Amino acid sequence: MENRRAFCRTAVLSTGAAVLGGGLLSDGALAAPKGAVGATVTGEKWLNSRTLDLTVASKAMRRNLKVRLLLPSGWKRNARRTWPVVWALHGGNDRYDAWSKKTDIAKLAARHQVIVVMPEGGFAGGYTDWWNYGRGGSPAWETFHLTELRKLLEAKYRAGSKRAVFGQSSGGYGALIYAARHPGMFRFAGSFSGFCSTLSPGVPDVLQTGLSGLGPFTDKNAMWGHPIFQSGVWRAHDPLTQASRLRGTKLYLACAKKGAKGPLDRRDAQAVDPAEEFCYYTLKPFLKRLQQLRIPVTTSLYPVGTHSWIYWQREMHRAWPIMMKTLGA
């Protein structure tokens, strides 16, 4: 038992895996955060001719947040046309600019007529509206991303209705659960080393251990509540439970079958990676459920690899053509 607990702590803390959340009605429907919901742009900063950083004042989050946009050639604020949108979500211990700093996504995106959105998702923010013992309120990441920011981009930055979403680690979880909880919003959802079944045996313990490890003032029950007493909240945020709602969404799932130093890793990489092992553990029942539902999925299950950007960069390149075809870009 002690070995299992040690494994859980290592897996969670190494991936920033607090990726759960609440803010739900008893039937699992999303409850809007208390107070007015809306967002405004309070600042813009051009990093180059196609990269624009926004500062967004969110009423749902009750603070200012950063968002990075990669804009296509020919983009104009007053253009008559709109562009397909690709959402790139970061992991639990990264920030909004992670994909542009750690991959060549800007170079990749420049070849296509798409807007890439890289929003702040918080440190272990969970891509969710936190339950907060039924009070809701901030943090409300799901409302900020899919209501406030989405509407803002459509109103001010010519974002269209054709959308794709992908992410790594907890961002991969975010991509799946966003697509499942909002059927039809995203045509494509990609998860690279993401959590795919949050209620599989032992997984709630891992996730709540991760929340407890964030600091002495972090309440592990604030995000989703207790997995038994608030089981409806947990089920509403479990990709496996919500898998049927992914029908019609093009799915791409990538993960190493064994979390260990692989062919892309540096010589000094850790020999065993429990974080990647854990991700594959959550992926297996999710894939089985998709098969039962006869929902098609593209997989990239490589023999060995670590929970690291060198693999997520590769998977982005593998998934990108599928994404562009799905968006018609």
Protein backbone atom coordinates (compact mmCIF):
# COMPACT_ATOMS: atom_id res chain seq x y z
CA MET A 1 0.00 0.00 0.00
CA GLU A 2 2.86 2.37 0.87
CA ASN A 3 4.47 1.73 -2.52
CA ARG A 4 1.21 2.60 -4.27
CA ARG A 5 0.92 5.87 -2.33
CA ALA A 6 4.50 6.79 -3.14
CA PHE A 7 3.87 6.07 -6.82
CA CYS A 8 0.74 8.22 -6.73
CA ARG A 9 2.55 11.21 -5.24
CA THR A 10 5.42 10.98 -7.72
CA ALA A 11 3.11 10.65 -10.71
CA VAL A 12 0.95 13.58 -9.75
CA LEU A 13 3.61 16.04 -8.71
CA SER A 14 5.80 15.35 -11.75
CA THR A 15 2.97 16.07 -14.19
CA GLY A 16 1.14 18.87 -12.42
CA ALA A 17 -1.86 16.57 -12.60
CA ALA A 18 -4.51 18.40 -10.64
CA VAL A 19 -6.84 18.44 -13.61
CA LEU A 20 -10.26 18.08 -12.11
CA GLY A 21 -13.05 20.56 -11.49
CA GLY A 22 -16.65 21.29 -10.64
CA GLY A 23 -19.23 24.04 -10.67
CA LEU A 24 -22.10 21.72 -11.59
CA LEU A 25 -25.78 21.30 -11.03
CA SER A 26 -26.95 18.00 -9.55
CA ASP A 27 -27.56 16.53 -13.01
CA GLY A 28 -24.03 17.35 -14.15
CA ALA A 29 -24.94 20.46 -16.17
CA LEU A 30 -22.47 23.30 -15.97
CA ALA A 31 -23.43 25.95 -13.44
CA ALA A 32 -22.31 29.45 -14.35
CA PRO A 33 -20.07 31.16 -11.81
CA LYS A 34 -21.86 33.57 -9.52
CA GLY A 35 -21.87 37.16 -10.68
CA ALA A 36 -21.71 38.60 -14.16
CA VAL A 37 -19.80 36.66 -16.78
CA GLY A 38 -17.86 38.56 -19.40
CA ALA A 39 -14.39 39.48 -20.56
CA THR A 40 -12.67 42.49 -22.06
CA VAL A 41 -9.24 43.03 -23.57
CA THR A 42 -7.24 45.47 -21.45
CA GLY A 43 -3.96 45.18 -23.32
CA GLU A 44 -2.37 44.01 -26.56
CA LYS A 45 1.31 43.38 -27.28
CA TRP A 46 2.60 42.41 -30.73
CA LEU A 47 5.66 40.16 -30.45
CA ASN A 48 6.01 39.99 -34.23
CA SER A 49 3.79 40.43 -37.26
CA ARG A 50 1.77 37.30 -36.47
CA THR A 51 2.06 36.82 -32.70
CA LEU A 52 -0.23 38.86 -30.47
CA ASP A 53 -0.40 38.62 -26.67
CA LEU A 54 -3.64 39.71 -25.05
CA THR A 55 -4.34 40.70 -21.48
CA VAL A 56 -7.93 39.71 -20.78
CA ALA A 57 -9.96 40.88 -17.79
CA SER A 58 -12.21 37.95 -16.88
CA LYS A 59 -15.27 38.39 -14.71
CA ALA A 60 -15.55 34.63 -14.25
CA MET A 61 -11.96 34.39 -13.01
CA ARG A 62 -12.02 37.82 -11.29
CA ARG A 63 -8.59 38.73 -12.58
CA ASN A 64 -6.50 39.51 -15.67
CA LEU A 65 -5.16 36.60 -17.70
CA LYS A 66 -2.78 36.24 -20.64
CA VAL A 67 -3.69 34.72 -24.00
CA ARG A 68 -1.36 34.30 -26.98
CA LEU A 69 -2.67 34.34 -30.55
CA LEU A 70 -0.86 33.12 -33.66
CA LEU A 71 -2.53 34.86 -36.59
CA PRO A 72 -2.52 33.71 -40.22
CA SER A 73 -1.20 35.66 -43.18
CA GLY A 74 -3.79 38.11 -44.44
CA TRP A 75 -5.49 38.41 -41.05
CA LYS A 76 -7.17 41.76 -40.38
CA ARG A 77 -9.48 42.93 -37.64
CA ASN A 78 -12.00 44.17 -40.16
CA ALA A 79 -11.76 41.22 -42.55
CA ARG A 80 -15.04 39.99 -43.97
CA ARG A 81 -14.03 36.38 -43.51
CA THR A 82 -13.34 34.37 -40.35
CA TRP A 83 -10.65 31.74 -39.73
CA PRO A 84 -10.76 28.24 -38.19
CA VAL A 85 -9.42 28.18 -34.64
CA VAL A 86 -6.95 25.79 -33.02
CA TRP A 87 -6.83 25.81 -29.22
CA ALA A 88 -3.49 24.66 -27.74
CA LEU A 89 -3.75 23.91 -24.01
CA HIS A 90 -0.73 23.70 -21.71
CA GLY A 91 0.01 21.28 -18.88
CA GLY A 92 -0.53 21.82 -15.18
CA ASN A 93 2.88 23.29 -14.41
CA ASP A 94 3.24 25.49 -17.50
CA ARG A 95 1.83 28.81 -18.71
CA TYR A 96 0.00 30.17 -21.74
CA ASP A 97 3.17 30.59 -23.81
CA ALA A 98 4.44 27.03 -23.29
CA TRP A 99 3.58 25.71 -26.75
CA SER A 100 5.27 28.61 -28.52
CA LYS A 101 8.36 28.44 -26.29
CA LYS A 102 8.86 24.69 -26.31
CA THR A 103 7.75 23.69 -29.82
CA ASP A 104 7.79 25.05 -33.36
CA ILE A 105 4.03 25.59 -33.41
CA ALA A 106 4.41 29.11 -34.79
CA LYS A 107 6.30 27.82 -37.82
CA LEU A 108 3.78 25.03 -38.29
CA ALA A 109 0.77 27.33 -37.99
CA ALA A 110 2.21 29.84 -40.46
CA ARG A 111 1.68 27.33 -43.26
CA HIS A 112 -2.07 27.26 -42.74
CA GLN A 113 -4.98 29.65 -42.60
CA VAL A 114 -5.86 29.15 -38.93
CA ILE A 115 -5.84 31.17 -35.74
CA VAL A 116 -4.02 29.42 -32.90
CA VAL A 117 -5.19 30.31 -29.38
CA MET A 118 -2.96 29.59 -26.40
CA PRO A 119 -4.85 30.62 -23.25
CA GLU A 120 -3.61 30.75 -19.70
CA GLY A 121 -4.92 27.69 -17.85
CA GLY A 122 -3.38 28.28 -14.45
CA PHE A 123 -0.99 26.22 -12.36
CA ALA A 124 -2.95 22.98 -11.84
CA GLY A 125 -6.08 24.91 -12.81
CA GLY A 126 -7.81 21.76 -13.98
CA TYR A 127 -9.57 23.13 -17.09
CA THR A 128 -12.73 23.31 -15.05
CA ASP A 129 -14.99 25.55 -13.01
CA TRP A 130 -14.13 24.66 -9.42
CA TRP A 131 -16.91 23.26 -7.25
CA ASN A 132 -15.93 25.23 -4.13
CA TYR A 133 -18.41 23.36 -1.94
CA GLY A 134 -21.31 24.23 -4.18
CA ARG A 135 -20.58 27.96 -4.17
CA GLY A 136 -18.96 27.98 -7.61
CA GLY A 137 -17.14 31.18 -8.48
CA SER A 138 -13.44 31.51 -9.23
CA PRO A 139 -11.47 29.61 -10.44
CA ALA A 140 -13.77 29.13 -13.42
CA TRP A 141 -11.45 28.07 -16.23
CA GLU A 142 -14.05 26.34 -18.37
CA THR A 143 -16.29 29.41 -18.38
CA PHE A 144 -13.35 31.71 -19.06
CA HIS A 145 -12.10 29.65 -22.00
CA LEU A 146 -15.25 28.42 -23.70
CA THR A 147 -17.67 31.24 -22.97
CA GLU A 148 -15.79 34.47 -22.28
CA LEU A 149 -12.68 34.04 -24.39
CA ARG A 150 -14.39 32.20 -27.24
CA LYS A 151 -17.00 34.94 -27.62
CA LEU A 152 -14.35 37.64 -27.35
CA LEU A 153 -12.26 36.08 -30.11
CA GLU A 154 -15.29 35.72 -32.35
CA ALA A 155 -16.39 39.31 -31.77
CA LYS A 156 -12.99 41.05 -31.96
CA TYR A 157 -10.45 38.81 -33.71
CA ARG A 158 -12.34 37.10 -36.55
CA ALA A 159 -12.37 33.63 -34.98
CA GLY A 160 -14.72 31.27 -36.78
CA SER A 161 -16.92 28.36 -35.76
CA LYS A 162 -14.63 25.58 -37.01
CA ARG A 163 -12.54 24.60 -33.99
CA ALA A 164 -9.93 22.07 -32.91
CA VAL A 165 -8.38 21.58 -29.47
CA PHE A 166 -5.32 19.71 -28.27
CA GLY A 167 -3.02 19.70 -25.27
CA GLN A 168 -0.32 17.88 -23.37
CA SER A 169 -0.49 16.35 -19.90
CA SER A 170 -3.37 18.02 -18.04
CA GLY A 171 -3.95 20.08 -21.19
CA GLY A 172 -4.64 16.79 -22.96
CA TYR A 173 -7.27 16.06 -20.35
CA GLY A 174 -8.65 19.55 -20.91
CA ALA A 175 -8.96 18.95 -24.65
CA LEU A 176 -10.94 15.75 -24.14
CA ILE A 177 -13.25 16.99 -21.42
CA TYR A 178 -13.95 20.30 -23.16
CA ALA A 179 -14.93 18.44 -26.32
CA ALA A 180 -17.05 15.95 -24.38
CA ARG A 181 -18.85 18.52 -22.25
CA HIS A 182 -19.57 20.73 -25.28
CA PRO A 183 -20.49 18.33 -28.12
CA GLY A 184 -20.13 19.93 -31.51
CA MET A 185 -17.95 22.81 -30.34
CA PHE A 186 -14.73 21.12 -31.47
CA ARG A 187 -14.31 19.07 -34.64
CA PHE A 188 -11.01 17.65 -33.41
CA ALA A 189 -9.65 16.83 -29.94
CA GLY A 190 -6.10 15.64 -29.32
CA SER A 191 -4.56 14.44 -26.07
CA PHE A 192 -0.81 13.94 -25.75
CA SER A 193 0.02 12.09 -22.51
CA GLY A 194 -3.22 13.30 -20.98
CA PHE A 195 -5.48 11.89 -18.26
CA CYS A 196 -8.31 10.01 -19.92
CA SER A 197 -10.19 8.32 -17.07
CA THR A 198 -10.33 10.17 -13.78
CA LEU A 199 -12.44 7.60 -11.92
CA SER A 200 -10.44 4.45 -12.65
CA PRO A 201 -9.24 2.63 -9.51
CA GLY A 202 -6.66 4.70 -7.67
CA VAL A 203 -6.91 7.73 -9.94
CA PRO A 204 -8.93 9.96 -7.54
CA ASP A 205 -6.29 9.28 -4.88
CA VAL A 206 -3.54 10.35 -7.27
CA LEU A 207 -5.30 13.53 -8.34
CA GLN A 208 -6.23 14.58 -4.82
CA THR A 209 -2.72 13.83 -3.60
CA GLY A 210 -1.51 16.22 -6.29
CA LEU A 211 -3.87 18.93 -5.11
CA SER A 212 -2.73 18.47 -1.52
CA GLY A 213 0.86 18.82 -2.69
CA LEU A 214 0.27 22.32 -4.10
CA GLY A 215 0.59 23.92 -0.68
CA PRO A 216 -0.80 24.06 2.86
CA PHE A 217 -3.73 26.27 1.85
CA THR A 218 -4.96 24.09 -1.02
CA ASP A 219 -8.11 22.17 -0.23
CA LYS A 220 -8.12 18.92 -2.20
CA ASN A 221 -11.94 18.85 -2.18
CA ALA A 222 -12.42 22.38 -3.54
CA MET A 223 -12.10 21.38 -7.18
CA TRP A 224 -14.56 18.47 -7.44
CA GLY A 225 -15.48 17.62 -3.89
CA HIS A 226 -15.20 14.11 -2.49
CA PRO A 227 -15.20 11.39 -5.17
CA ILE A 228 -17.96 9.49 -3.36
CA PHE A 229 -20.12 12.23 -1.84
CA GLN A 230 -19.85 14.41 -4.97
CA SER A 231 -19.74 11.49 -7.40
CA GLY A 232 -21.98 13.32 -9.88
CA VAL A 233 -19.48 16.15 -10.16
CA TRP A 234 -16.64 13.69 -10.70
CA ARG A 235 -18.55 11.74 -13.35
CA ALA A 236 -19.42 14.94 -15.20
CA HIS A 237 -15.69 15.63 -15.55
CA ASP A 238 -14.51 12.11 -16.38
CA PRO A 239 -13.70 11.60 -20.09
CA LEU A 240 -14.48 7.91 -19.83
CA THR A 241 -17.94 8.52 -18.33
CA GLN A 242 -18.62 11.24 -20.92
CA ALA A 243 -17.12 9.30 -23.85
CA SER A 244 -20.40 8.94 -25.75
CA ARG A 245 -20.54 12.72 -26.10
CA LEU A 246 -17.36 12.59 -28.19
CA ARG A 247 -19.14 10.91 -31.08
CA GLY A 248 -18.58 12.97 -34.20
CA THR A 249 -15.35 14.54 -32.88
CA LYS A 250 -12.13 13.44 -34.58
CA LEU A 251 -9.95 12.02 -31.79
CA TYR A 252 -6.17 11.65 -31.57
CA LEU A 253 -4.62 10.03 -28.49
CA ALA A 254 -0.89 9.67 -27.90
CA CYS A 255 1.06 8.18 -25.01
CA ALA A 256 4.02 5.91 -24.26
CA LYS A 257 3.06 2.38 -23.30
CA LYS A 258 5.98 2.30 -20.89
CA GLY A 259 7.17 5.40 -19.07
CA ALA A 260 10.91 5.06 -19.49
CA LYS A 261 13.81 6.71 -21.25
CA GLY A 262 13.19 6.37 -24.96
CA PRO A 263 14.87 7.13 -28.28
CA LEU A 264 14.14 10.88 -28.18
CA ASP A 265 15.32 11.45 -24.61
CA ARG A 266 18.60 12.97 -23.52
CA ARG A 267 21.20 10.73 -21.95
CA ASP A 268 20.53 12.22 -18.51
CA ALA A 269 16.76 11.58 -18.68
CA GLN A 270 15.27 9.59 -15.83
CA ALA A 271 15.26 5.85 -16.44
CA VAL A 272 11.66 5.39 -15.28
CA ASP A 273 8.88 7.96 -15.62
CA PRO A 274 5.88 7.16 -13.37
CA ALA A 275 3.95 10.14 -14.74
CA GLU A 276 3.83 8.69 -18.25
CA GLU A 277 3.11 5.23 -16.83
CA PHE A 278 0.15 6.69 -14.99
CA CYS A 279 -1.16 8.44 -18.09
CA TYR A 280 -1.14 5.18 -20.03
CA TYR A 281 -2.94 3.51 -17.12
CA THR A 282 -5.79 6.03 -17.50
CA LEU A 283 -5.76 5.75 -21.30
CA LYS A 284 -6.38 2.01 -21.54
CA PRO A 285 -9.93 1.97 -20.13
CA PHE A 286 -10.82 5.06 -22.13
CA LEU A 287 -9.78 3.37 -25.36
CA LYS A 288 -11.77 0.29 -24.38
CA ARG A 289 -14.86 2.45 -23.82
CA LEU A 290 -14.46 4.16 -27.20
CA GLN A 291 -14.23 0.72 -28.80
CA GLN A 292 -17.42 -0.39 -27.04
CA LEU A 293 -19.18 2.74 -28.31
CA ARG A 294 -17.72 2.24 -31.79
CA ILE A 295 -16.28 5.75 -31.75
CA PRO A 296 -13.26 5.91 -34.10
CA VAL A 297 -9.96 7.18 -32.75
CA THR A 298 -6.45 7.64 -34.11
CA THR A 299 -3.78 6.47 -31.67
CA SER A 300 -0.04 6.93 -31.41
CA LEU A 301 1.02 4.49 -28.70
CA TYR A 302 4.80 4.33 -28.79
CA PRO A 303 6.72 1.62 -26.89
CA VAL A 304 8.72 3.82 -24.49
CA GLY A 305 9.07 7.50 -23.71
CA THR A 306 9.03 10.10 -20.96
CA HIS A 307 6.46 12.71 -20.01
CA SER A 308 8.28 15.46 -21.85
CA TRP A 309 8.09 18.06 -24.61
CA ILE A 310 10.31 16.21 -27.07
CA TYR A 311 7.52 13.66 -27.52
CA TRP A 312 4.69 16.21 -27.50
CA GLN A 313 6.43 18.19 -30.25
CA ARG A 314 6.52 15.02 -32.35
CA GLU A 315 2.88 14.20 -31.67
CA MET A 316 1.83 17.74 -32.59
CA HIS A 317 3.43 17.24 -36.00
CA ARG A 318 1.75 13.86 -36.40
CA ALA A 319 -1.67 15.19 -35.41
CA TRP A 320 -1.47 18.51 -37.28
CA PRO A 321 -2.33 17.22 -40.80
CA ILE A 322 -5.36 15.39 -39.39
CA MET A 323 -6.40 18.55 -37.59
CA MET A 324 -6.06 20.72 -40.70
CA LYS A 325 -8.02 18.25 -42.81
CA THR A 326 -10.77 18.15 -40.20
CA LEU A 327 -10.95 21.95 -40.17
CA GLY A 328 -10.73 22.25 -43.94
CA ALA A 329 -7.71 24.51 -43.52
